[in-house]
C-alpha atoms as a PDB file:
ATOM      1  CA  MET A   1     114.963 101.952  69.464  1.00  0.00           C
ATOM      2  CA  ASP A   2     115.462 105.490  70.565  1.00  0.00           C
ATOM      3  CA  SER A   3     112.948 107.474  72.643  1.00  0.00           C
ATOM      4  CA  ARG A   4     112.210 110.657  74.409  1.00  0.00           C
ATOM      5  CA  LEU A   5     112.572 109.341  77.660  1.00  0.00           C
ATOM      6  CA  HIS A   6     116.509 107.588  76.562  1.00  0.00           C
ATOM      7  CA  ARG A   7     116.868 111.624  75.211  1.00  0.00           C
ATOM      8  CA  ALA A   8     115.832 112.828  78.466  1.00  0.00           C
ATOM      9  CA  TRP A   9     118.243 111.014  80.270  1.00  0.00           C
ATOM     10  CA  ALA A  10     120.711 110.953  77.406  1.00  0.00           C
ATOM     11  CA  GLU A  11     120.815 114.716  78.212  1.00  0.00           C
ATOM     12  CA  GLY A  12     120.846 114.702  82.143  1.00  0.00           C
ATOM     13  CA  LYS A  13     116.843 115.793  82.664  1.00  0.00           C
ATOM     14  CA  GLY A  14     114.274 114.243  85.016  1.00  0.00           C
ATOM     15  CA  ALA A  15     111.544 113.042  82.620  1.00  0.00           C
ATOM     16  CA  LEU A  16     108.617 113.493  83.604  1.00  0.00           C
ATOM     17  CA  ASN A  17     106.042 110.836  83.162  1.00  0.00           C
ATOM     18  CA  GLY A  18     102.322 111.063  82.498  1.00  0.00           C
ATOM     19  CA  TRP A  19      99.768 108.119  84.015  1.00  0.00           C
ATOM     20  CA  LEU A  20      97.379 106.777  81.772  1.00  0.00           C
ATOM     21  CA  SER A  21      94.072 105.140  84.467  1.00  0.00           C
ATOM     22  CA  ILE A  22      90.975 106.182  82.205  1.00  0.00           C
ATOM     23  CA  PRO A  23      90.069 103.142  79.906  1.00  0.00           C
ATOM     24  CA  SER A  24      90.020 105.447  77.043  1.00  0.00           C
ATOM     25  CA  THR A  25      91.931 106.401  73.995  1.00  0.00           C
ATOM     26  CA  VAL A  26      90.510 109.901  73.574  1.00  0.00           C
ATOM     27  CA  THR A  27      92.162 110.923  76.418  1.00  0.00           C
ATOM     28  CA  ALA A  28      95.444 108.867  76.201  1.00  0.00           C
ATOM     29  CA  GLU A  29      95.315 110.542  73.132  1.00  0.00           C
ATOM     30  CA  PHE A  30      94.883 114.127  74.751  1.00  0.00           C
ATOM     31  CA  MET A  31      97.503 113.262  77.658  1.00  0.00           C
ATOM     32  CA  ALA A  32      99.913 112.151  74.197  1.00  0.00           C
ATOM     33  CA  LEU A  33      99.454 115.250  72.970  1.00  0.00           C
ATOM     34  CA  GLN A  34     101.023 117.061  75.795  1.00  0.00           C
ATOM     35  CA  ASP A  35     105.205 117.787  76.712  1.00  0.00           C
ATOM     36  CA  PHE A  36     105.219 114.712  78.581  1.00  0.00           C
ATOM     37  CA  ASP A  37     108.677 112.576  77.905  1.00  0.00           C
ATOM     38  CA  SER A  38     106.795 108.950  78.609  1.00  0.00           C
ATOM     39  CA  LEU A  39     103.364 107.601  79.526  1.00  0.00           C
ATOM     40  CA  THR A  40     103.079 104.706  81.633  1.00  0.00           C
ATOM     41  CA  VAL A  41      99.531 102.910  81.369  1.00  0.00           C
ATOM     42  CA  ASP A  42      98.542 101.471  84.422  1.00  0.00           C
ATOM     43  CA  LEU A  43      97.473  98.442  84.772  1.00  0.00           C
ATOM     44  CA  GLN A  44      97.774  97.780  88.585  1.00  0.00           C
ATOM     45  CA  HIS A  45      95.104 100.022  89.873  1.00  0.00           C
ATOM     46  CA  GLY A  46      94.107 102.033  86.717  1.00  0.00           C
ATOM     47  CA  LEU A  47      90.880 100.543  84.920  1.00  0.00           C
ATOM     48  CA  VAL A  48      92.975  98.842  82.204  1.00  0.00           C
ATOM     49  CA  ASP A  49      92.982  95.924  81.011  1.00  0.00           C
ATOM     50  CA  TYR A  50      95.849  94.303  78.342  1.00  0.00           C
ATOM     51  CA  GLN A  51      93.659  94.191  75.200  1.00  0.00           C
ATOM     52  CA  THR A  52      92.816  98.067  76.882  1.00  0.00           C
ATOM     53  CA  ALA A  53      96.474  98.801  77.166  1.00  0.00           C
ATOM     54  CA  LEU A  54      97.125  97.861  73.583  1.00  0.00           C
ATOM     55  CA  SER A  55      94.553 100.337  72.004  1.00  0.00           C
ATOM     56  CA  LEU A  56      95.964 103.089  74.326  1.00  0.00           C
ATOM     57  CA  PHE A  57     100.013 102.521  73.142  1.00  0.00           C
ATOM     58  CA  GLN A  58      98.643 102.749  69.834  1.00  0.00           C
ATOM     59  CA  ALA A  59      96.960 105.868  70.609  1.00  0.00           C
ATOM     60  CA  VAL A  60     100.232 107.295  71.856  1.00  0.00           C
ATOM     61  CA  GLU A  61     102.580 105.688  69.144  1.00  0.00           C
ATOM     62  CA  GLY A  62     104.154 108.719  67.245  1.00  0.00           C
ATOM     63  CA  ARG A  63     102.932 111.569  68.976  1.00  0.00           C
ATOM     64  CA  GLY A  64     106.340 111.535  71.752  1.00  0.00           C
ATOM     65  CA  PRO A  65     106.175 110.313  74.604  1.00  0.00           C
ATOM     66  CA  ALA A  66     107.334 106.559  75.537  1.00  0.00           C
ATOM     67  CA  PRO A  67     104.960 104.616  76.175  1.00  0.00           C
ATOM     68  CA  LEU A  68     105.296 102.526  79.525  1.00  0.00           C
ATOM     69  CA  ALA A  69     103.168  99.963  81.818  1.00  0.00           C
ATOM     70  CA  ARG A  70     103.159  99.049  84.975  1.00  0.00           C
ATOM     71  CA  VAL A  71     101.958  95.572  85.252  1.00  0.00           C
ATOM     72  CA  PRO A  72      99.404  94.350  88.313  1.00  0.00           C
ATOM     73  CA  TRP A  73     101.885  92.011  89.583  1.00  0.00           C
ATOM     74  CA  ASN A  74     105.791  90.363  88.969  1.00  0.00           C
ATOM     75  CA  GLU A  75     104.241  87.890  86.550  1.00  0.00           C
ATOM     76  CA  PRO A  76     106.367  86.975  83.764  1.00  0.00           C
ATOM     77  CA  GLY A  77     103.335  86.602  81.342  1.00  0.00           C
ATOM     78  CA  ILE A  78     101.783  89.612  81.668  1.00  0.00           C
ATOM     79  CA  ILE A  79     104.977  91.566  81.414  1.00  0.00           C
ATOM     80  CA  MET A  80     106.053  89.730  78.051  1.00  0.00           C
ATOM     81  CA  LYS A  81     102.899  90.378  76.721  1.00  0.00           C
ATOM     82  CA  LEU A  82     103.375  93.930  77.086  1.00  0.00           C
ATOM     83  CA  LEU A  83     106.791  94.273  75.716  1.00  0.00           C
ATOM     84  CA  ASP A  84     105.078  92.263  72.468  1.00  0.00           C
ATOM     85  CA  ALA A  85     102.657  94.842  72.362  1.00  0.00           C
ATOM     86  CA  GLY A  86     105.072  97.725  71.961  1.00  0.00           C
ATOM     87  CA  ALA A  87     105.710  99.063  76.000  1.00  0.00           C
ATOM     88  CA  MET A  88     109.334 100.382  75.744  1.00  0.00           C
ATOM     89  CA  GLY A  89     109.515  99.742  79.733  1.00  0.00           C
ATOM     90  CA  ILE A  90     107.488  97.671  82.558  1.00  0.00           C
ATOM     91  CA  ILE A  91     106.636  99.287  85.955  1.00  0.00           C
ATOM     92  CA  CYS A  92     107.033  96.318  88.059  1.00  0.00           C
ATOM     93  CA  PRO A  93     104.912  97.270  91.415  1.00  0.00           C
ATOM     94  CA  MET A  94     105.960  95.303  95.266  1.00  0.00           C
ATOM     95  CA  ILE A  95     109.584  94.379  94.494  1.00  0.00           C
ATOM     96  CA  ASN A  96     110.775  93.385  98.270  1.00  0.00           C
ATOM     97  CA  THR A  97     114.178  91.550  97.238  1.00  0.00           C
ATOM     98  CA  ALA A  98     117.099  90.934  94.881  1.00  0.00           C
ATOM     99  CA  ASP A  99     115.319  87.859  93.985  1.00  0.00           C
ATOM    100  CA  ASP A 100     111.671  89.475  92.600  1.00  0.00           C
ATOM    101  CA  ALA A 101     114.339  91.868  91.209  1.00  0.00           C
ATOM    102  CA  LYS A 102     116.044  89.267  89.281  1.00  0.00           C
ATOM    103  CA  LYS A 103     112.623  87.480  88.017  1.00  0.00           C
ATOM    104  CA  PHE A 104     111.796  91.112  86.925  1.00  0.00           C
ATOM    105  CA  VAL A 105     114.025  91.900  84.580  1.00  0.00           C
ATOM    106  CA  GLY A 106     114.632  88.214  83.352  1.00  0.00           C
ATOM    107  CA  ALA A 107     110.943  88.263  82.149  1.00  0.00           C
ATOM    108  CA  CYS A 108     112.163  91.577  80.247  1.00  0.00           C
ATOM    109  CA  ARG A 109     115.367  90.244  78.670  1.00  0.00           C
ATOM    110  CA  TYR A 110     116.386  87.991  76.053  1.00  0.00           C
ATOM    111  CA  HIS A 111     118.519  85.038  76.221  1.00  0.00           C
ATOM    112  CA  PRO A 112     121.188  84.881  78.028  1.00  0.00           C
ATOM    113  CA  ASP A 113     120.419  88.309  80.380  1.00  0.00           C
ATOM    114  CA  GLY A 114     116.827  86.498  80.862  1.00  0.00           C
ATOM    115  CA  TYR A 115     114.330  84.394  80.048  1.00  0.00           C
ATOM    116  CA  ARG A 116     111.988  86.313  77.985  1.00  0.00           C
ATOM    117  CA  SER A 117     109.944  84.388  74.846  1.00  0.00           C
ATOM    118  CA  THR A 118     110.450  85.440  71.374  1.00  0.00           C
ATOM    119  CA  GLY A 119     107.668  86.790  69.884  1.00  0.00           C
ATOM    120  CA  PRO A 120     107.275  90.747  69.613  1.00  0.00           C
ATOM    121  CA  THR A 121     103.838  90.714  67.438  1.00  0.00           C
ATOM    122  CA  ARG A 122     103.514  94.360  67.069  1.00  0.00           C
ATOM    123  CA  ALA A 123     106.928  95.752  68.904  1.00  0.00           C
ATOM    124  CA  GLY A 124     109.106  93.427  66.121  1.00  0.00           C
ATOM    125  CA  LEU A 125     106.922  96.160  63.220  1.00  0.00           C
ATOM    126  CA  ILE A 126     106.768  99.371  64.852  1.00  0.00           C
ATOM    127  CA  TYR A 127     110.477  99.464  66.279  1.00  0.00           C
ATOM    128  CA  PRO A 128     113.242  98.827  63.582  1.00  0.00           C
ATOM    129  CA  ASN A 129     115.763  95.935  64.586  1.00  0.00           C
ATOM    130  CA  TYR A 130     113.811  95.055  67.385  1.00  0.00           C
ATOM    131  CA  PHE A 131     115.463  92.159  68.645  1.00  0.00           C
ATOM    132  CA  PRO A 132     118.905  93.195  68.864  1.00  0.00           C
ATOM    133  CA  GLN A 133     118.114  96.554  70.581  1.00  0.00           C
ATOM    134  CA  ALA A 134     115.379  95.432  73.217  1.00  0.00           C
ATOM    135  CA  ASN A 135     117.809  93.864  75.672  1.00  0.00           C
ATOM    136  CA  LYS A 136     119.558  97.500  76.005  1.00  0.00           C
ATOM    137  CA  SER A 137     116.524  99.405  75.500  1.00  0.00           C
ATOM    138  CA  ILE A 138     113.854  98.439  77.513  1.00  0.00           C
ATOM    139  CA  VAL A 139     113.649 100.278  80.588  1.00  0.00           C
ATOM    140  CA  THR A 140     112.879  97.814  83.831  1.00  0.00           C
ATOM    141  CA  LEU A 141     112.179 100.197  87.023  1.00  0.00           C
ATOM    142  CA  ALA A 142     111.360  97.764  89.936  1.00  0.00           C
ATOM    143  CA  MET A 143     108.492  99.803  92.556  1.00  0.00           C
ATOM    144  CA  ILE A 144     110.224  99.670  96.140  1.00  0.00           C
ATOM    145  CA  GLU A 145     107.274 100.688  98.205  1.00  0.00           C
ATOM    146  CA  THR A 146     107.753  98.563 101.153  1.00  0.00           C
ATOM    147  CA  VAL A 147     110.160  99.024 104.461  1.00  0.00           C
ATOM    148  CA  GLU A 148     111.248  95.428 103.526  1.00  0.00           C
ATOM    149  CA  ALA A 149     112.657  97.086 100.088  1.00  0.00           C
ATOM    150  CA  VAL A 150     114.021  99.448 101.326  1.00  0.00           C
ATOM    151  CA  GLY A 151     116.337  97.010 103.857  1.00  0.00           C
ATOM    152  CA  ASN A 152     117.304  95.321 100.981  1.00  0.00           C
ATOM    153  CA  VAL A 153     117.714  98.614  98.342  1.00  0.00           C
ATOM    154  CA  ASP A 154     121.315  97.725  97.645  1.00  0.00           C
ATOM    155  CA  ALA A 155     120.586  93.989  96.762  1.00  0.00           C
ATOM    156  CA  ILE A 156     117.927  94.915  94.512  1.00  0.00           C
ATOM    157  CA  CYS A 157     120.113  97.977  92.835  1.00  0.00           C
ATOM    158  CA  ALA A 158     122.638  95.517  91.987  1.00  0.00           C
ATOM    159  CA  THR A 159     120.717  92.900  89.701  1.00  0.00           C
ATOM    160  CA  PRO A 160     121.755  92.832  86.480  1.00  0.00           C
ATOM    161  CA  GLY A 161     120.067  94.349  83.883  1.00  0.00           C
ATOM    162  CA  LEU A 162     118.229  96.860  86.132  1.00  0.00           C
ATOM    163  CA  THR A 163     117.140  99.943  84.791  1.00  0.00           C
ATOM    164  CA  GLY A 164     116.497 101.799  88.621  1.00  0.00           C
ATOM    165  CA  VAL A 165     113.862 102.122  90.881  1.00  0.00           C
ATOM    166  CA  TYR A 166     110.641 103.533  91.322  1.00  0.00           C
ATOM    167  CA  VAL A 167     109.309 104.845  94.696  1.00  0.00           C
ATOM    168  CA  GLY A 168     105.580 104.172  95.372  1.00  0.00           C
ATOM    169  CA  PRO A 169     105.089 106.857  98.260  1.00  0.00           C
ATOM    170  CA  SER A 170     101.773 106.017  99.024  1.00  0.00           C
ATOM    171  CA  ASP A 171     102.468 101.673  99.793  1.00  0.00           C
ATOM    172  CA  LEU A 172     105.445 102.833 101.469  1.00  0.00           C
ATOM    173  CA  ALA A 173     103.799 104.617 104.099  1.00  0.00           C
ATOM    174  CA  VAL A 174     101.334 102.375 104.731  1.00  0.00           C
ATOM    175  CA  SER A 175     103.637  99.861 105.208  1.00  0.00           C
ATOM    176  CA  MET A 176     105.498 102.372 108.279  1.00  0.00           C
ATOM    177  CA  LEU A 177     101.883 101.935 109.199  1.00  0.00           C
ATOM    178  CA  LYS A 178     101.490 105.694 108.372  1.00  0.00           C
ATOM    179  CA  SER A 179      98.385 107.112 106.255  1.00  0.00           C
ATOM    180  CA  PRO A 180      98.670 106.520 102.949  1.00  0.00           C
ATOM    181  CA  GLY A 181      99.236 109.738 100.414  1.00  0.00           C
ATOM    182  CA  MET A 182     101.359 111.156  97.825  1.00  0.00           C
ATOM    183  CA  ASP A 183     103.636 114.095  98.105  1.00  0.00           C
ATOM    184  CA  PRO A 184     104.334 112.818 101.839  1.00  0.00           C
ATOM    185  CA  THR A 185     106.052 115.435 104.174  1.00  0.00           C
ATOM    186  CA  ASP A 186     106.206 113.407 107.243  1.00  0.00           C
ATOM    187  CA  PRO A 187     110.340 112.633 108.526  1.00  0.00           C
ATOM    188  CA  GLU A 188     110.316 109.207 108.915  1.00  0.00           C
ATOM    189  CA  VAL A 189     108.859 108.603 105.284  1.00  0.00           C
ATOM    190  CA  VAL A 190     110.527 110.963 103.673  1.00  0.00           C
ATOM    191  CA  ALA A 191     114.152 109.847 105.410  1.00  0.00           C
ATOM    192  CA  ASN A 192     113.410 106.549 104.177  1.00  0.00           C
ATOM    193  CA  ILE A 193     113.233 107.922 100.160  1.00  0.00           C
ATOM    194  CA  ASP A 194     116.644 109.411 100.631  1.00  0.00           C
ATOM    195  CA  LYS A 195     117.748 106.237 101.749  1.00  0.00           C
ATOM    196  CA  ILE A 196     116.251 105.058  98.226  1.00  0.00           C
ATOM    197  CA  LEU A 197     117.188 107.761  96.278  1.00  0.00           C
ATOM    198  CA  ALA A 198     120.914 107.808  98.028  1.00  0.00           C
ATOM    199  CA  ALA A 199     121.022 103.555  97.533  1.00  0.00           C
ATOM    200  CA  VAL A 200     120.225 104.127  93.573  1.00  0.00           C
ATOM    201  CA  LYS A 201     122.948 106.947  92.897  1.00  0.00           C
ATOM    202  CA  LYS A 202     125.122 104.745  94.205  1.00  0.00           C
ATOM    203  CA  ALA A 203     124.658 102.268  91.845  1.00  0.00           C
ATOM    204  CA  GLY A 204     124.625 104.280  89.059  1.00  0.00           C
ATOM    205  CA  LEU A 205     120.603 103.732  88.109  1.00  0.00           C
ATOM    206  CA  LYS A 206     117.759 106.114  87.676  1.00  0.00           C
ATOM    207  CA  ALA A 207     115.198 107.200  90.505  1.00  0.00           C
ATOM    208  CA  GLY A 208     111.970 107.249  89.478  1.00  0.00           C
ATOM    209  CA  ILE A 209     109.290 108.418  92.186  1.00  0.00           C
ATOM    210  CA  HIS A 210     105.402 109.271  91.932  1.00  0.00           C
ATOM    211  CA  CYS A 211     104.545 112.697  92.517  1.00  0.00           C
ATOM    212  CA  LEU A 212     100.895 114.246  92.545  1.00  0.00           C
ATOM    213  CA  THR A 213     101.798 118.350  92.162  1.00  0.00           C
ATOM    214  CA  ALA A 214     104.135 119.736  89.754  1.00  0.00           C
ATOM    215  CA  ALA A 215     105.877 121.733  92.706  1.00  0.00           C
ATOM    216  CA  TYR A 216     106.251 118.380  93.991  1.00  0.00           C
ATOM    217  CA  SER A 217     107.766 116.987  91.047  1.00  0.00           C
ATOM    218  CA  ARG A 218     110.067 119.587  90.544  1.00  0.00           C
ATOM    219  CA  LYS A 219     111.419 119.292  94.030  1.00  0.00           C
ATOM    220  CA  MET A 220     112.180 115.964  93.415  1.00  0.00           C
ATOM    221  CA  VAL A 221     113.862 116.148  90.130  1.00  0.00           C
ATOM    222  CA  GLU A 222     115.976 119.198  91.878  1.00  0.00           C
ATOM    223  CA  LYS A 223     116.266 116.532  94.478  1.00  0.00           C
ATOM    224  CA  GLY A 224     118.130 113.906  91.976  1.00  0.00           C
ATOM    225  CA  PHE A 225     115.327 112.029  90.967  1.00  0.00           C
ATOM    226  CA  ASP A 226     115.639 111.058  87.300  1.00  0.00           C
ATOM    227  CA  PHE A 227     112.522 110.225  86.296  1.00  0.00           C
ATOM    228  CA  VAL A 228     108.942 111.619  87.884  1.00  0.00           C
ATOM    229  CA  THR A 229     105.516 110.940  87.742  1.00  0.00           C
ATOM    230  CA  LEU A 230     103.060 113.885  87.356  1.00  0.00           C
ATOM    231  CA  ALA A 231      99.490 112.974  89.121  1.00  0.00           C
ATOM    232  CA  SER A 232      97.341 110.874  86.670  1.00  0.00           C
ATOM    233  CA  ASP A 233      94.724 110.961  84.017  1.00  0.00           C
ATOM    234  CA  VAL A 234      92.086 110.843  86.299  1.00  0.00           C
ATOM    235  CA  ARG A 235      93.453 113.260  89.228  1.00  0.00           C
ATOM    236  CA  MET A 236      93.817 115.945  86.790  1.00  0.00           C
ATOM    237  CA  PHE A 237      90.466 115.586  84.944  1.00  0.00           C
ATOM    238  CA  LEU A 238      88.538 115.502  88.215  1.00  0.00           C
ATOM    239  CA  ASN A 239      90.666 118.486  89.928  1.00  0.00           C
ATOM    240  CA  ALA A 240      89.684 120.756  86.640  1.00  0.00           C
ATOM    241  CA  ALA A 241      85.696 119.520  87.034  1.00  0.00           C
ATOM    242  CA  SER A 242      85.728 119.988  90.525  1.00  0.00           C
ATOM    243  CA  GLY A 243      87.873 123.384  90.283  1.00  0.00           C
ATOM    244  CA  ASP A 244      84.978 125.040  87.396  1.00  0.00           C
ATOM    245  CA  VAL A 245      82.313 123.222  89.225  1.00  0.00           C
ATOM    246  CA  LYS A 246      83.036 124.780  92.590  1.00  0.00           C
ATOM    247  CA  THR A 247      83.887 128.545  90.445  1.00  0.00           C
ATOM    248  CA  TYR A 248      80.294 128.361  89.361  1.00  0.00           C
ATOM    249  CA  ARG A 249      78.722 127.379  92.075  1.00  0.00           C
ATOM    250  CA  ASP A 250      80.618 130.195  94.490  1.00  0.00           C
ATOM    251  CA  LEU A 251      79.865 132.640  91.538  1.00  0.00           C
ATOM    252  CA  GLU A 252      75.936 131.244  92.354  1.00  0.00           C
ATOM    253  CA  ALA A 253      75.974 131.398  95.692  1.00  0.00           C
ATOM    254  CA  LYS A 254      77.086 135.352  95.766  1.00  0.00           C
ATOM    255  CA  ARG A 255      74.040 136.067  93.447  1.00  0.00           C
END
């Protein structure tokens, strides 16, 4: 189960991830035609349910980026269904303890490494030799986004089978009694992000983080992150639309 994401990591590159929150195969296809290493379907905060996620995977399939999914919660049923639908990796929110991480990874792995039920309805059709490769190929990224999780980061990173962690900076800031936001510059939030990154690197795992701008994304890769998400389809659409409309209105006002 080779993918562009796996190849980027094998070459020592920081992988660029896109974010699919819009429940449209058209916009998903447009995103898949861009130069992303992976695309994540967001079932937590995106406007997407399981059936739509399946359709988005189909729109992305064969166009280059590896299809991933962020699940709504650390619940085995939806994790297994998304893997069976063809997700090559799962990002799981609010992993606060080693037990949380063990439960998450177990749902992504077949026996003896986990407790995932066999029945890869679509995955078994589109990925040759799926069963023998799944345990070693499925990407598992545990979201660390609370003060509690930062305190348990070493134990979380020690979870067998975990690919890496994915920093949710906005929820992390909220858990620190600060305002939510992307691309943080607050020294205390940045210090916790640095602590997470150091623990992940020490454990030999992959480190990911959700970003807003291209410049901040590159900064995080240069800092040592292996996986950066650049904004989302919603933000990209709104930024482009609002920018063009503002340009028009500014020109109109000069008449």
